Protein backbone atom coordinates (compact mmCIF):
# COMPACT_ATOMS: atom_id res chain seq x y z
CA MET A 1 93.07 72.19 142.98
CA ILE A 2 95.66 69.89 141.44
CA ASN A 3 94.67 67.74 138.47
CA GLN A 4 96.58 64.46 138.42
CA PHE A 5 97.53 62.54 135.26
CA ASP A 6 100.02 59.87 134.31
CA VAL A 7 101.16 61.77 131.22
CA LEU A 8 100.89 65.47 130.37
CA ILE A 9 101.40 66.31 126.68
CA ILE A 10 101.87 69.97 125.77
CA GLY A 11 101.27 70.41 122.05
CA SER A 12 98.63 69.03 119.71
CA GLY A 13 100.41 68.63 116.39
CA LEU A 14 100.98 65.17 114.95
CA ALA A 15 103.71 64.41 117.49
CA GLY A 16 101.44 65.22 120.44
CA LEU A 17 98.41 63.39 119.04
CA THR A 18 100.47 60.31 118.18
CA LEU A 19 102.07 60.16 121.62
CA ALA A 20 98.69 60.53 123.31
CA LEU A 21 97.19 57.66 121.34
CA LYS A 22 100.25 55.44 121.85
CA VAL A 23 100.16 55.68 125.66
CA ALA A 24 96.46 56.20 126.44
CA ASP A 25 95.52 52.52 126.52
CA THR A 26 97.48 52.11 129.75
CA LYS A 27 97.83 55.66 131.09
CA LYS A 28 95.63 58.63 131.97
CA VAL A 29 96.60 61.43 129.56
CA CYS A 30 96.08 65.20 129.50
CA LEU A 31 96.61 66.86 126.11
CA VAL A 32 97.08 70.65 126.14
CA SER A 33 96.53 72.72 122.98
CA LYS A 34 96.87 76.50 122.72
CA ARG A 35 94.11 76.48 120.06
CA GLU A 36 91.60 73.92 118.79
CA ILE A 37 93.46 70.66 118.29
CA THR A 38 92.66 70.65 114.58
CA ASP A 39 94.41 74.03 114.24
CA SER A 40 98.12 73.20 114.21
CA ALA A 41 101.08 73.65 111.90
CA SER A 42 100.87 69.93 111.10
CA SER A 43 97.52 70.44 109.39
CA TRP A 44 99.17 72.72 106.80
CA ALA A 45 101.61 70.05 105.55
CA GLN A 46 100.75 69.45 101.90
CA GLY A 47 103.26 66.93 100.58
CA GLY A 48 103.32 63.52 102.16
CA ILE A 49 105.23 61.03 104.26
CA ALA A 50 108.24 59.11 102.97
CA ALA A 51 108.36 55.38 103.69
CA VAL A 52 109.67 52.23 102.03
CA LEU A 53 106.94 49.61 101.69
CA ASN A 54 107.81 47.82 98.45
CA ASN A 55 110.65 45.70 97.09
CA ASP A 56 111.64 48.21 94.39
CA ASP A 57 113.01 50.50 97.10
CA SER A 58 115.14 50.01 100.21
CA ILE A 59 115.61 51.58 103.61
CA GLU A 60 119.29 52.02 102.77
CA ALA A 61 118.36 54.09 99.69
CA HIS A 62 115.96 56.17 101.80
CA ILE A 63 118.71 56.83 104.35
CA GLU A 64 121.23 57.75 101.64
CA ASP A 65 118.79 60.12 99.93
CA THR A 66 118.06 61.83 103.24
CA LEU A 67 121.72 62.24 104.18
CA VAL A 68 122.60 63.65 100.75
CA ALA A 69 119.65 66.06 100.77
CA GLY A 70 120.57 67.09 104.30
CA ALA A 71 124.01 68.24 103.12
CA GLY A 72 125.75 67.05 106.27
CA LEU A 73 123.21 68.55 108.68
CA CYS A 74 121.31 65.32 109.42
CA ASP A 75 121.99 63.33 112.56
CA LYS A 76 122.88 59.90 111.11
CA GLU A 77 121.47 57.92 114.02
CA VAL A 78 118.13 59.76 113.89
CA THR A 79 118.02 59.43 110.09
CA HIS A 80 118.47 55.66 110.35
CA MET A 81 115.79 55.39 113.03
CA VAL A 82 113.23 57.49 111.12
CA ALA A 83 113.76 55.64 107.83
CA ALA A 84 113.65 52.22 109.51
CA LYS A 85 110.43 52.99 111.40
CA ALA A 86 108.65 54.82 108.56
CA ARG A 87 106.85 51.68 107.34
CA GLU A 88 105.57 50.92 110.82
CA SER A 89 104.36 54.52 111.14
CA ILE A 90 102.48 54.46 107.81
CA GLU A 91 100.84 51.16 108.73
CA TRP A 92 99.81 52.59 112.11
CA LEU A 93 98.28 55.67 110.45
CA ILE A 94 96.32 53.41 108.10
CA GLN A 95 95.06 51.45 111.12
CA GLN A 96 93.90 54.72 112.67
CA GLY A 97 91.83 55.41 109.56
CA VAL A 98 94.01 57.65 107.38
CA HIS A 99 92.97 57.08 103.75
CA PHE A 100 96.10 57.61 101.71
CA THR A 101 95.45 58.23 98.01
CA ARG A 102 95.30 55.04 95.96
CA GLU A 103 95.92 54.36 92.27
CA SER A 104 92.87 54.83 90.05
CA ASP A 105 92.71 51.08 89.38
CA ASP A 106 93.02 50.41 93.15
CA SER A 107 96.20 48.40 92.54
CA GLY A 108 97.94 50.06 95.47
CA TYR A 109 98.84 53.42 96.94
CA HIS A 110 99.63 56.34 94.64
CA LEU A 111 103.23 57.06 95.57
CA THR A 112 104.91 60.28 94.49
CA ARG A 113 108.56 61.21 94.20
CA GLU A 114 109.55 64.47 95.82
CA GLY A 115 112.80 66.40 95.69
CA GLY A 116 115.84 64.47 96.88
CA HIS A 117 114.20 61.05 96.65
CA SER A 118 115.52 58.43 94.23
CA HIS A 119 112.30 56.38 94.37
CA ARG A 120 108.55 56.95 94.52
CA ARG A 121 108.00 56.55 98.27
CA ILE A 122 105.77 59.47 99.30
CA TYR A 123 102.41 58.44 100.77
CA HIS A 124 99.91 61.27 100.55
CA VAL A 125 96.24 62.20 100.86
CA ALA A 126 95.71 64.24 97.68
CA ASP A 127 97.61 67.49 98.39
CA ALA A 128 96.42 67.91 101.98
CA THR A 129 98.16 65.09 103.84
CA GLY A 130 98.78 66.97 107.06
CA ASN A 131 95.17 68.07 107.34
CA ALA A 132 93.85 64.55 106.70
CA VAL A 133 96.18 62.95 109.25
CA GLN A 134 95.47 65.66 111.85
CA LYS A 135 91.69 65.25 111.46
CA THR A 136 91.86 61.45 111.65
CA LEU A 137 94.01 61.40 114.78
CA THR A 138 91.83 64.10 116.35
CA GLU A 139 88.81 61.84 115.88
CA ARG A 140 90.64 58.98 117.61
CA ILE A 141 91.72 61.33 120.42
CA ARG A 142 88.17 62.55 121.04
CA GLU A 143 86.90 58.96 121.19
CA HIS A 144 89.46 57.80 123.78
CA ALA A 145 88.19 57.64 127.36
CA ASN A 146 91.67 58.00 128.87
CA ILE A 147 92.49 61.30 127.14
CA THR A 148 91.44 64.66 128.59
CA ILE A 149 91.72 67.51 126.08
CA LEU A 150 92.37 71.09 127.18
CA GLU A 151 91.88 73.26 124.09
CA ASN A 152 92.64 76.99 124.13
CA HIS A 153 94.96 76.49 127.08
CA ILE A 154 98.60 77.57 127.28
CA ALA A 155 101.40 76.09 129.37
CA VAL A 156 102.94 79.01 131.24
CA ASP A 157 105.57 77.19 133.30
CA LEU A 158 106.84 73.71 134.04
CA ILE A 159 106.68 72.51 137.62
CA THR A 160 110.05 71.10 138.60
CA ARG A 161 111.37 69.50 141.75
CA LYS A 162 114.01 72.23 142.06
CA LYS A 163 111.41 75.05 141.96
CA LEU A 164 109.15 73.39 144.50
CA ALA A 165 112.04 72.65 146.86
CA HIS A 166 112.13 76.36 147.81
CA THR A 167 108.78 75.98 149.58
CA GLN A 168 108.75 72.20 150.09
CA PRO A 169 112.21 71.16 151.35
CA ASP A 170 111.25 67.48 151.38
CA LEU A 171 111.34 67.60 147.55
CA ALA A 172 114.97 68.70 147.51
CA GLY A 173 117.41 66.12 146.26
CA GLU A 174 119.44 65.10 143.30
CA GLY A 175 118.06 65.79 139.87
CA ASN A 176 115.50 68.27 138.71
CA THR A 177 112.61 66.20 137.42
CA CYS A 178 109.50 67.72 135.87
CA LEU A 179 106.36 67.14 137.92
CA GLY A 180 103.81 68.78 135.60
CA ALA A 181 102.92 72.31 134.50
CA TYR A 182 100.89 75.40 135.25
CA ILE A 183 98.29 75.84 132.50
CA LEU A 184 96.46 79.07 131.61
CA ASP A 185 92.81 78.74 130.60
CA ASN A 186 92.39 81.42 127.92
CA ALA A 187 88.63 81.62 128.46
CA THR A 188 88.70 82.30 132.20
CA GLY A 189 92.18 83.74 132.68
CA LYS A 190 92.75 81.25 135.50
CA VAL A 191 95.85 79.12 135.91
CA ILE A 192 95.34 75.46 136.74
CA THR A 193 97.88 73.01 138.06
CA ILE A 194 98.46 69.75 136.21
CA ALA A 195 100.60 67.18 138.01
CA ALA A 196 101.97 64.30 135.97
CA GLN A 197 104.44 61.46 136.32
CA GLN A 198 105.69 62.25 132.83
CA THR A 199 105.53 65.50 130.84
CA ALA A 200 106.20 65.78 127.10
CA LEU A 201 106.71 68.96 125.10
CA ALA A 202 105.40 67.96 121.70
């Protein structure tokens, strides 16, 4: 039996959860996690998320700090994109229900300054930011009718046009697009087929 989805997302860290929530309002999504979706490397992140949301700081300063700290290893285009979109990302996380730590007098968010940063721009949830964000997005994922979650499942192989062309010549042609994946159910030992218009390795 082939299970059909618009989008197949392999990986349930913050990247996978975010992508699922961003597309699920208009697409049928399958999210595959090798463990429980709350059990990911993202949940161990303790520090916080850097973003410029006040006038005392600037995106240009954020970019410069990142490039200097990266010692020439940062991709400049990606650095610009991440710094420029950081505010939008923080605001989206707040909309999802992430409760970043606030000042004791509730005058605003309690921003910290971590290594390499010239300004206080780190949004955090106490000292367990990754865990808080992961749990919040997991709650949103579980509530969404368009998202099917396969926990304790492992992607064993991608299904590509080139591979299928050996047995289905009508699929031969230019390009080698991904058509989905074969997924192992750890509980049963059975492999299921997930077909998708788009597949993301997150």
